[in-house]
Structures are given as C-alpha cells and as structure tokens.
Amino acid sequence: KNGNTCTVYQVQINDEPMVIKRYNPRKGL
C-alpha cells in the first residue's frame, strides 16, 4: 500500500514474510 500517511511493505526477516507499516509524518498541526 502506498498511502500519504502510511506505507505498507512485505519483507523477509529470518526467511519469514513480515509486514512493515511505516507511519509517515503528517503535515501541519
């Protein structure tokens, strides 16, 4: 998922699929 405030990836860690949810900085207040 490629969102403005959140980007979601699937990666391999220890040969196991993991989901990484990156919370991006929101603008303004």
PDB file of all heavy atoms in Angstrom:
ATOM      1  N   LYS A   1       0.860  -1.190   0.000  1.00  0.00           N
ATOM      2  CA  LYS A   1       0.000   0.000   0.000  1.00  0.00           C
ATOM      3  C   LYS A   1       0.886   1.226   0.000  1.00  0.00           C
ATOM      4  O   LYS A   1       1.821   1.327   0.805  1.00  0.00           O
ATOM      5  CB  LYS A   1      -0.915   0.014   1.231  1.00  0.00           C
ATOM      6  CG  LYS A   1      -1.758   1.283   1.364  1.00  0.00           C
ATOM      7  CD  LYS A   1      -2.550   1.290   2.660  1.00  0.00           C
ATOM      8  CE  LYS A   1      -3.305   2.600   2.840  1.00  0.00           C
ATOM      9  NZ  LYS A   1      -4.040   2.655   4.130  1.00  0.00           N
ATOM     10  N   ASN A   2       0.590   2.171  -0.885  1.00  0.00           N
ATOM     11  CA  ASN A   2       1.351   3.417  -0.961  1.00  0.00           C
ATOM     12  C   ASN A   2       0.424   4.572  -0.605  1.00  0.00           C
ATOM     13  O   ASN A   2      -0.220   5.167  -1.471  1.00  0.00           O
ATOM     14  CB  ASN A   2       1.944   3.605  -2.363  1.00  0.00           C
ATOM     15  CG  ASN A   2       2.886   4.800  -2.416  1.00  0.00           C
ATOM     16  OD1 ASN A   2       3.271   5.335  -1.389  1.00  0.00           O
ATOM     17  ND2 ASN A   2       3.244   5.204  -3.621  1.00  0.00           N
ATOM     18  N   GLY A   3       0.346   4.858   0.694  1.00  0.00           N
ATOM     19  CA  GLY A   3      -0.515   5.937   1.156  1.00  0.00           C
ATOM     20  C   GLY A   3       0.286   7.163   1.538  1.00  0.00           C
ATOM     21  O   GLY A   3       1.517   7.101   1.658  1.00  0.00           O
ATOM     22  N   ASN A   4      -0.404   8.273   1.745  1.00  0.00           N
ATOM     23  CA  ASN A   4       0.287   9.509   2.122  1.00  0.00           C
ATOM     24  C   ASN A   4       0.818   9.448   3.547  1.00  0.00           C
ATOM     25  O   ASN A   4       1.956   9.826   3.813  1.00  0.00           O
ATOM     26  CB  ASN A   4      -0.662  10.702   1.970  1.00  0.00           C
ATOM     27  CG  ASN A   4      -1.016  10.974   0.517  1.00  0.00           C
ATOM     28  OD1 ASN A   4      -0.188  10.783  -0.361  1.00  0.00           O
ATOM     29  ND2 ASN A   4      -2.256  11.394   0.265  1.00  0.00           N
ATOM     30  N   THR A   5      -0.011   8.973   4.459  1.00  0.00           N
ATOM     31  CA  THR A   5       0.395   8.940   5.867  1.00  0.00           C
ATOM     32  C   THR A   5       0.913   7.580   6.297  1.00  0.00           C
ATOM     33  O   THR A   5       1.491   7.447   7.370  1.00  0.00           O
ATOM     34  CB  THR A   5      -0.790   9.328   6.781  1.00  0.00           C
ATOM     35  OG1 THR A   5      -1.860   8.393   6.591  1.00  0.00           O
ATOM     36  CG2 THR A   5      -1.286  10.726   6.451  1.00  0.00           C
ATOM     37  N   CYS A   6       0.715   6.571   5.448  1.00  0.00           N
ATOM     38  CA  CYS A   6       1.137   5.222   5.827  1.00  0.00           C
ATOM     39  C   CYS A   6       1.518   4.418   4.585  1.00  0.00           C
ATOM     40  O   CYS A   6       0.767   4.370   3.616  1.00  0.00           O
ATOM     41  CB  CYS A   6      -0.002   4.530   6.569  1.00  0.00           C
ATOM     42  SG  CYS A   6       0.458   2.967   7.287  1.00  0.00           S
ATOM     43  N   THR A   7       2.700   3.812   4.623  1.00  0.00           N
ATOM     44  CA  THR A   7       3.165   2.958   3.533  1.00  0.00           C
ATOM     45  C   THR A   7       3.375   1.550   4.081  1.00  0.00           C
ATOM     46  O   THR A   7       3.997   1.386   5.130  1.00  0.00           O
ATOM     47  CB  THR A   7       4.491   3.489   2.943  1.00  0.00           C
ATOM     48  OG1 THR A   7       4.396   4.901   2.751  1.00  0.00           O
ATOM     49  CG2 THR A   7       4.773   2.841   1.607  1.00  0.00           C
ATOM     50  N   VAL A   8       2.850   0.550   3.380  1.00  0.00           N
ATOM     51  CA  VAL A   8       2.891  -0.828   3.879  1.00  0.00           C
ATOM     52  C   VAL A   8       3.706  -1.700   2.920  1.00  0.00           C
ATOM     53  O   VAL A   8       3.496  -1.660   1.714  1.00  0.00           O
ATOM     54  CB  VAL A   8       1.468  -1.408   4.041  1.00  0.00           C
ATOM     55  CG1 VAL A   8       1.529  -2.797   4.677  1.00  0.00           C
ATOM     56  CG2 VAL A   8       0.599  -0.481   4.873  1.00  0.00           C
ATOM     57  N   TYR A   9       4.631  -2.476   3.493  1.00  0.00           N
ATOM     58  CA  TYR A   9       5.524  -3.336   2.706  1.00  0.00           C
ATOM     59  C   TYR A   9       5.475  -4.767   3.240  1.00  0.00           C
ATOM     60  O   TYR A   9       5.140  -5.011   4.404  1.00  0.00           O
ATOM     61  CB  TYR A   9       6.969  -2.856   2.798  1.00  0.00           C
ATOM     62  CG  TYR A   9       7.246  -1.481   2.255  1.00  0.00           C
ATOM     63  CD1 TYR A   9       7.093  -0.357   3.068  1.00  0.00           C
ATOM     64  CD2 TYR A   9       7.692  -1.299   0.949  1.00  0.00           C
ATOM     65  CE1 TYR A   9       7.373   0.920   2.573  1.00  0.00           C
ATOM     66  CE2 TYR A   9       7.975  -0.034   0.455  1.00  0.00           C
ATOM     67  CZ  TYR A   9       7.806   1.078   1.268  1.00  0.00           C
ATOM     68  OH  TYR A   9       8.079   2.327   0.786  1.00  0.00           O
ATOM     69  N   GLN A  10       5.870  -5.690   2.374  1.00  0.00           N
ATOM     70  CA  GLN A  10       6.143  -7.066   2.799  1.00  0.00           C
ATOM     71  C   GLN A  10       7.627  -7.324   2.603  1.00  0.00           C
ATOM     72  O   GLN A  10       8.176  -7.063   1.534  1.00  0.00           O
ATOM     73  CB  GLN A  10       5.335  -8.066   1.977  1.00  0.00           C
ATOM     74  CG  GLN A  10       5.632  -9.522   2.328  1.00  0.00           C
ATOM     75  CD  GLN A  10       4.889 -10.493   1.432  1.00  0.00           C
ATOM     76  OE1 GLN A  10       3.826 -10.182   0.908  1.00  0.00           O
ATOM     77  NE2 GLN A  10       5.464 -11.679   1.259  1.00  0.00           N
ATOM     78  N   VAL A  11       8.284  -7.813   3.657  1.00  0.00           N
ATOM     79  CA  VAL A  11       9.714  -8.113   3.581  1.00  0.00           C
ATOM     80  C   VAL A  11       9.959  -9.501   4.180  1.00  0.00           C
ATOM     81  O   VAL A  11       9.091 -10.065   4.851  1.00  0.00           O
ATOM     82  CB  VAL A  11      10.569  -7.073   4.344  1.00  0.00           C
ATOM     83  CG1 VAL A  11      10.370  -5.677   3.772  1.00  0.00           C
ATOM     84  CG2 VAL A  11      10.260  -7.096   5.835  1.00  0.00           C
ATOM     85  N   GLN A  12      11.136 -10.022   3.945  1.00  0.00           N
ATOM     86  CA  GLN A  12      11.549 -11.299   4.521  1.00  0.00           C
ATOM     87  C   GLN A  12      12.515 -11.028   5.673  1.00  0.00           C
ATOM     88  O   GLN A  12      13.533 -10.364   5.486  1.00  0.00           O
ATOM     89  CB  GLN A  12      12.240 -12.171   3.478  1.00  0.00           C
ATOM     90  CG  GLN A  12      11.322 -12.677   2.373  1.00  0.00           C
ATOM     91  CD  GLN A  12      10.365 -13.745   2.839  1.00  0.00           C
ATOM     92  OE1 GLN A  12       9.155 -13.587   2.707  1.00  0.00           O
ATOM     93  NE2 GLN A  12      10.882 -14.818   3.389  1.00  0.00           N
ATOM     94  N   ILE A  13      12.186 -11.516   6.843  1.00  0.00           N
ATOM     95  CA  ILE A  13      13.072 -11.448   8.002  1.00  0.00           C
ATOM     96  C   ILE A  13      13.180 -12.851   8.575  1.00  0.00           C
ATOM     97  O   ILE A  13      12.160 -13.447   8.939  1.00  0.00           O
ATOM     98  CB  ILE A  13      12.551 -10.466   9.074  1.00  0.00           C
ATOM     99  CG1 ILE A  13      12.451  -9.045   8.500  1.00  0.00           C
ATOM    100  CG2 ILE A  13      13.460 -10.472  10.301  1.00  0.00           C
ATOM    101  CD1 ILE A  13      11.889  -8.023   9.474  1.00  0.00           C
ATOM    102  N   ASN A  14      14.389 -13.386   8.627  1.00  0.00           N
ATOM    103  CA  ASN A  14      14.584 -14.781   9.041  1.00  0.00           C
ATOM    104  C   ASN A  14      13.785 -15.745   8.167  1.00  0.00           C
ATOM    105  O   ASN A  14      13.179 -16.711   8.670  1.00  0.00           O
ATOM    106  CB  ASN A  14      14.192 -14.972  10.515  1.00  0.00           C
ATOM    107  CG  ASN A  14      15.189 -14.349  11.464  1.00  0.00           C
ATOM    108  OD1 ASN A  14      16.389 -14.325  11.196  1.00  0.00           O
ATOM    109  ND2 ASN A  14      14.701 -13.831  12.576  1.00  0.00           N
ATOM    110  N   ASP A  15      13.764 -15.469   6.862  1.00  0.00           N
ATOM    111  CA  ASP A  15      13.052 -16.315   5.898  1.00  0.00           C
ATOM    112  C   ASP A  15      11.560 -16.410   6.176  1.00  0.00           C
ATOM    113  O   ASP A  15      10.901 -17.368   5.770  1.00  0.00           O
ATOM    114  CB  ASP A  15      13.658 -17.730   5.866  1.00  0.00           C
ATOM    115  CG  ASP A  15      15.099 -17.720   5.396  1.00  0.00           C
ATOM    116  OD1 ASP A  15      15.433 -16.913   4.510  1.00  0.00           O
ATOM    117  OD2 ASP A  15      15.900 -18.523   5.936  1.00  0.00           O
ATOM    118  N   GLU A  16      11.029 -15.420   6.893  1.00  0.00           N
ATOM    119  CA  GLU A  16       9.600 -15.390   7.203  1.00  0.00           C
ATOM    120  C   GLU A  16       9.022 -14.081   6.679  1.00  0.00           C
ATOM    121  O   GLU A  16       9.605 -13.017   6.879  1.00  0.00           O
ATOM    122  CB  GLU A  16       9.373 -15.489   8.712  1.00  0.00           C
ATOM    123  CG  GLU A  16       7.909 -15.491   9.097  1.00  0.00           C
ATOM    124  CD  GLU A  16       7.689 -15.570  10.603  1.00  0.00           C
ATOM    125  OE1 GLU A  16       8.677 -15.733  11.342  1.00  0.00           O
ATOM    126  OE2 GLU A  16       6.535 -15.462  11.027  1.00  0.00           O
ATOM    127  N   PRO A  17       7.873 -14.144   5.985  1.00  0.00           N
ATOM    128  CA  PRO A  17       7.276 -12.895   5.494  1.00  0.00           C
ATOM    129  C   PRO A  17       6.752 -12.046   6.653  1.00  0.00           C
ATOM    130  O   PRO A  17       6.044 -12.540   7.529  1.00  0.00           O
ATOM    131  CB  PRO A  17       6.128 -13.377   4.597  1.00  0.00           C
ATOM    132  CG  PRO A  17       5.791 -14.743   5.108  1.00  0.00           C
ATOM    133  CD  PRO A  17       7.069 -15.328   5.624  1.00  0.00           C
ATOM    134  N   MET A  18       7.125 -10.789   6.651  1.00  0.00           N
ATOM    135  CA  MET A  18       6.669  -9.836   7.654  1.00  0.00           C
ATOM    136  C   MET A  18       6.044  -8.633   6.959  1.00  0.00           C
ATOM    137  O   MET A  18       6.415  -8.288   5.835  1.00  0.00           O
ATOM    138  CB  MET A  18       7.836  -9.357   8.529  1.00  0.00           C
ATOM    139  CG  MET A  18       8.498 -10.441   9.355  1.00  0.00           C
ATOM    140  SD  MET A  18       7.547 -10.859  10.828  1.00  0.00           S
ATOM    141  CE  MET A  18       8.676 -12.045  11.605  1.00  0.00           C
ATOM    142  N   VAL A  19       5.123  -7.992   7.635  1.00  0.00           N
ATOM    143  CA  VAL A  19       4.511  -6.765   7.132  1.00  0.00           C
ATOM    144  C   VAL A  19       5.104  -5.582   7.887  1.00  0.00           C
ATOM    145  O   VAL A  19       5.155  -5.584   9.123  1.00  0.00           O
ATOM    146  CB  VAL A  19       2.981  -6.793   7.299  1.00  0.00           C
ATOM    147  CG1 VAL A  19       2.378  -5.423   6.980  1.00  0.00           C
ATOM    148  CG2 VAL A  19       2.372  -7.843   6.392  1.00  0.00           C
ATOM    149  N   ILE A  20       5.576  -4.597   7.140  1.00  0.00           N
ATOM    150  CA  ILE A  20       6.119  -3.378   7.732  1.00  0.00           C
ATOM    151  C   ILE A  20       5.156  -2.239   7.420  1.00  0.00           C
ATOM    152  O   ILE A  20       4.873  -1.951   6.252  1.00  0.00           O
ATOM    153  CB  ILE A  20       7.515  -3.023   7.166  1.00  0.00           C
ATOM    154  CG1 ILE A  20       8.423  -4.257   7.144  1.00  0.00           C
ATOM    155  CG2 ILE A  20       8.125  -1.874   7.952  1.00  0.00           C
ATOM    156  CD1 ILE A  20       8.701  -4.871   8.489  1.00  0.00           C
ATOM    157  N   LYS A  21       4.657  -1.615   8.453  1.00  0.00           N
ATOM    158  CA  LYS A  21       3.777  -0.469   8.277  1.00  0.00           C
ATOM    159  C   LYS A  21       4.554   0.773   8.694  1.00  0.00           C
ATOM    160  O   LYS A  21       4.877   0.940   9.880  1.00  0.00           O
ATOM    161  CB  LYS A  21       2.527  -0.652   9.131  1.00  0.00           C
ATOM    162  CG  LYS A  21       1.368   0.259   8.743  1.00  0.00           C
ATOM    163  CD  LYS A  21       0.099  -0.144   9.481  1.00  0.00           C
ATOM    164  CE  LYS A  21      -1.091   0.676   9.001  1.00  0.00           C
ATOM    165  NZ  LYS A  21      -2.345   0.298   9.693  1.00  0.00           N
ATOM    166  N   ARG A  22       4.900   1.597   7.711  1.00  0.00           N
ATOM    167  CA  ARG A  22       5.667   2.813   8.006  1.00  0.00           C
ATOM    168  C   ARG A  22       4.707   4.000   8.099  1.00  0.00           C
ATOM    169  O   ARG A  22       4.017   4.340   7.139  1.00  0.00           O
ATOM    170  CB  ARG A  22       6.711   3.073   6.922  1.00  0.00           C
ATOM    171  CG  ARG A  22       7.584   4.298   7.218  1.00  0.00           C
ATOM    172  CD  ARG A  22       8.689   4.450   6.201  1.00  0.00           C
ATOM    173  NE  ARG A  22       8.149   4.760   4.877  1.00  0.00           N
ATOM    174  CZ  ARG A  22       8.884   4.724   3.758  1.00  0.00           C
ATOM    175  NH1 ARG A  22      10.150   4.354   3.798  1.00  0.00           N
ATOM    176  NH2 ARG A  22       8.335   5.034   2.595  1.00  0.00           N
ATOM    177  N   TYR A  23       4.684   4.598   9.282  1.00  0.00           N
ATOM    178  CA  TYR A  23       3.834   5.767   9.510  1.00  0.00           C
ATOM    179  C   TYR A  23       4.646   7.011   9.161  1.00  0.00           C
ATOM    180  O   TYR A  23       5.615   7.349   9.836  1.00  0.00           O
ATOM    181  CB  TYR A  23       3.379   5.819  10.966  1.00  0.00           C
ATOM    182  CG  TYR A  23       2.454   4.683  11.354  1.00  0.00           C
ATOM    183  CD1 TYR A  23       2.968   3.429  11.704  1.00  0.00           C
ATOM    184  CD2 TYR A  23       1.076   4.841  11.374  1.00  0.00           C
ATOM    185  CE1 TYR A  23       2.130   2.383  12.062  1.00  0.00           C
ATOM    186  CE2 TYR A  23       0.233   3.807  11.729  1.00  0.00           C
ATOM    187  CZ  TYR A  23       0.765   2.581  12.072  1.00  0.00           C
ATOM    188  OH  TYR A  23      -0.073   1.552  12.431  1.00  0.00           O
ATOM    189  N   ASN A  24       4.243   7.695   8.096  1.00  0.00           N
ATOM    190  CA  ASN A  24       4.973   8.862   7.621  1.00  0.00           C
ATOM    191  C   ASN A  24       4.519  10.128   8.357  1.00  0.00           C
ATOM    192  O   ASN A  24       3.381  10.187   8.852  1.00  0.00           O
ATOM    193  CB  ASN A  24       4.746   9.038   6.114  1.00  0.00           C
ATOM    194  CG  ASN A  24       5.129   7.791   5.340  1.00  0.00           C
ATOM    195  OD1 ASN A  24       6.172   7.193   5.595  1.00  0.00           O
ATOM    196  ND2 ASN A  24       4.294   7.383   4.392  1.00  0.00           N
ATOM    197  N   PRO A  25       5.383  11.135   8.431  1.00  0.00           N
ATOM    198  CA  PRO A  25       4.999  12.381   9.127  1.00  0.00           C
ATOM    199  C   PRO A  25       3.790  13.028   8.451  1.00  0.00           C
ATOM    200  O   PRO A  25       3.715  13.106   7.220  1.00  0.00           O
ATOM    201  CB  PRO A  25       6.243  13.265   8.975  1.00  0.00           C
ATOM    202  CG  PRO A  25       7.357  12.337   8.645  1.00  0.00           C
ATOM    203  CD  PRO A  25       6.750  11.196   7.897  1.00  0.00           C
ATOM    204  N   ARG A  26       2.857  13.462   9.265  1.00  0.00           N
ATOM    205  CA  ARG A  26       1.699  14.173   8.730  1.00  0.00           C
ATOM    206  C   ARG A  26       1.993  15.667   8.712  1.00  0.00           C
ATOM    207  O   ARG A  26       2.765  16.173   9.526  1.00  0.00           O
ATOM    208  CB  ARG A  26       0.454  13.869   9.560  1.00  0.00           C
ATOM    209  CG  ARG A  26       0.050  12.406   9.493  1.00  0.00           C
ATOM    210  CD  ARG A  26      -1.359  12.176   9.971  1.00  0.00           C
ATOM    211  NE  ARG A  26      -1.488  12.234  11.424  1.00  0.00           N
ATOM    212  CZ  ARG A  26      -2.611  11.985  12.094  1.00  0.00           C
ATOM    213  NH1 ARG A  26      -3.711  11.672  11.415  1.00  0.00           N
ATOM    214  NH2 ARG A  26      -2.647  12.054  13.405  1.00  0.00           N
ATOM    215  N   LYS A  27       1.357  16.351   7.816  1.00  0.00           N
ATOM    216  CA  LYS A  27       1.629  17.763   7.650  1.00  0.00           C
ATOM    217  C   LYS A  27       0.869  18.602   8.672  1.00  0.00           C
ATOM    218  O   LYS A  27      -0.158  18.188   9.192  1.00  0.00           O
ATOM    219  CB  LYS A  27       1.246  18.215   6.234  1.00  0.00           C
ATOM    220  CG  LYS A  27       2.066  17.561   5.132  1.00  0.00           C
ATOM    221  CD  LYS A  27       1.622  18.034   3.761  1.00  0.00           C
ATOM    222  CE  LYS A  27       2.449  17.372   2.662  1.00  0.00           C
ATOM    223  NZ  LYS A  27       2.018  17.812   1.303  1.00  0.00           N
ATOM    224  N   GLY A  28       1.410  19.799   8.927  1.00  0.00           N
ATOM    225  CA  GLY A  28       0.719  20.786   9.742  1.00  0.00           C
ATOM    226  C   GLY A  28       0.597  20.409  11.203  1.00  0.00           C
ATOM    227  O   GLY A  28       1.450  19.720  11.773  1.00  0.00           O
ATOM    228  N   LEU A  29      -0.506  20.834  11.810  1.00  0.00           N
ATOM    229  CA  LEU A  29      -0.720  20.659  13.252  1.00  0.00           C
ATOM    230  C   LEU A  29      -0.813  19.186  13.645  1.00  0.00           C
ATOM    231  O   LEU A  29      -0.320  18.795  14.700  1.00  0.00           O
ATOM    232  CB  LEU A  29      -1.994  21.399  13.673  1.00  0.00           C
ATOM    233  CG  LEU A  29      -2.350  21.364  15.166  1.00  0.00           C
ATOM    234  CD1 LEU A  29      -1.224  21.975  15.999  1.00  0.00           C
ATOM    235  CD2 LEU A  29      -3.669  22.079  15.426  1.00  0.00           C
TER     236      LEU A  29
END
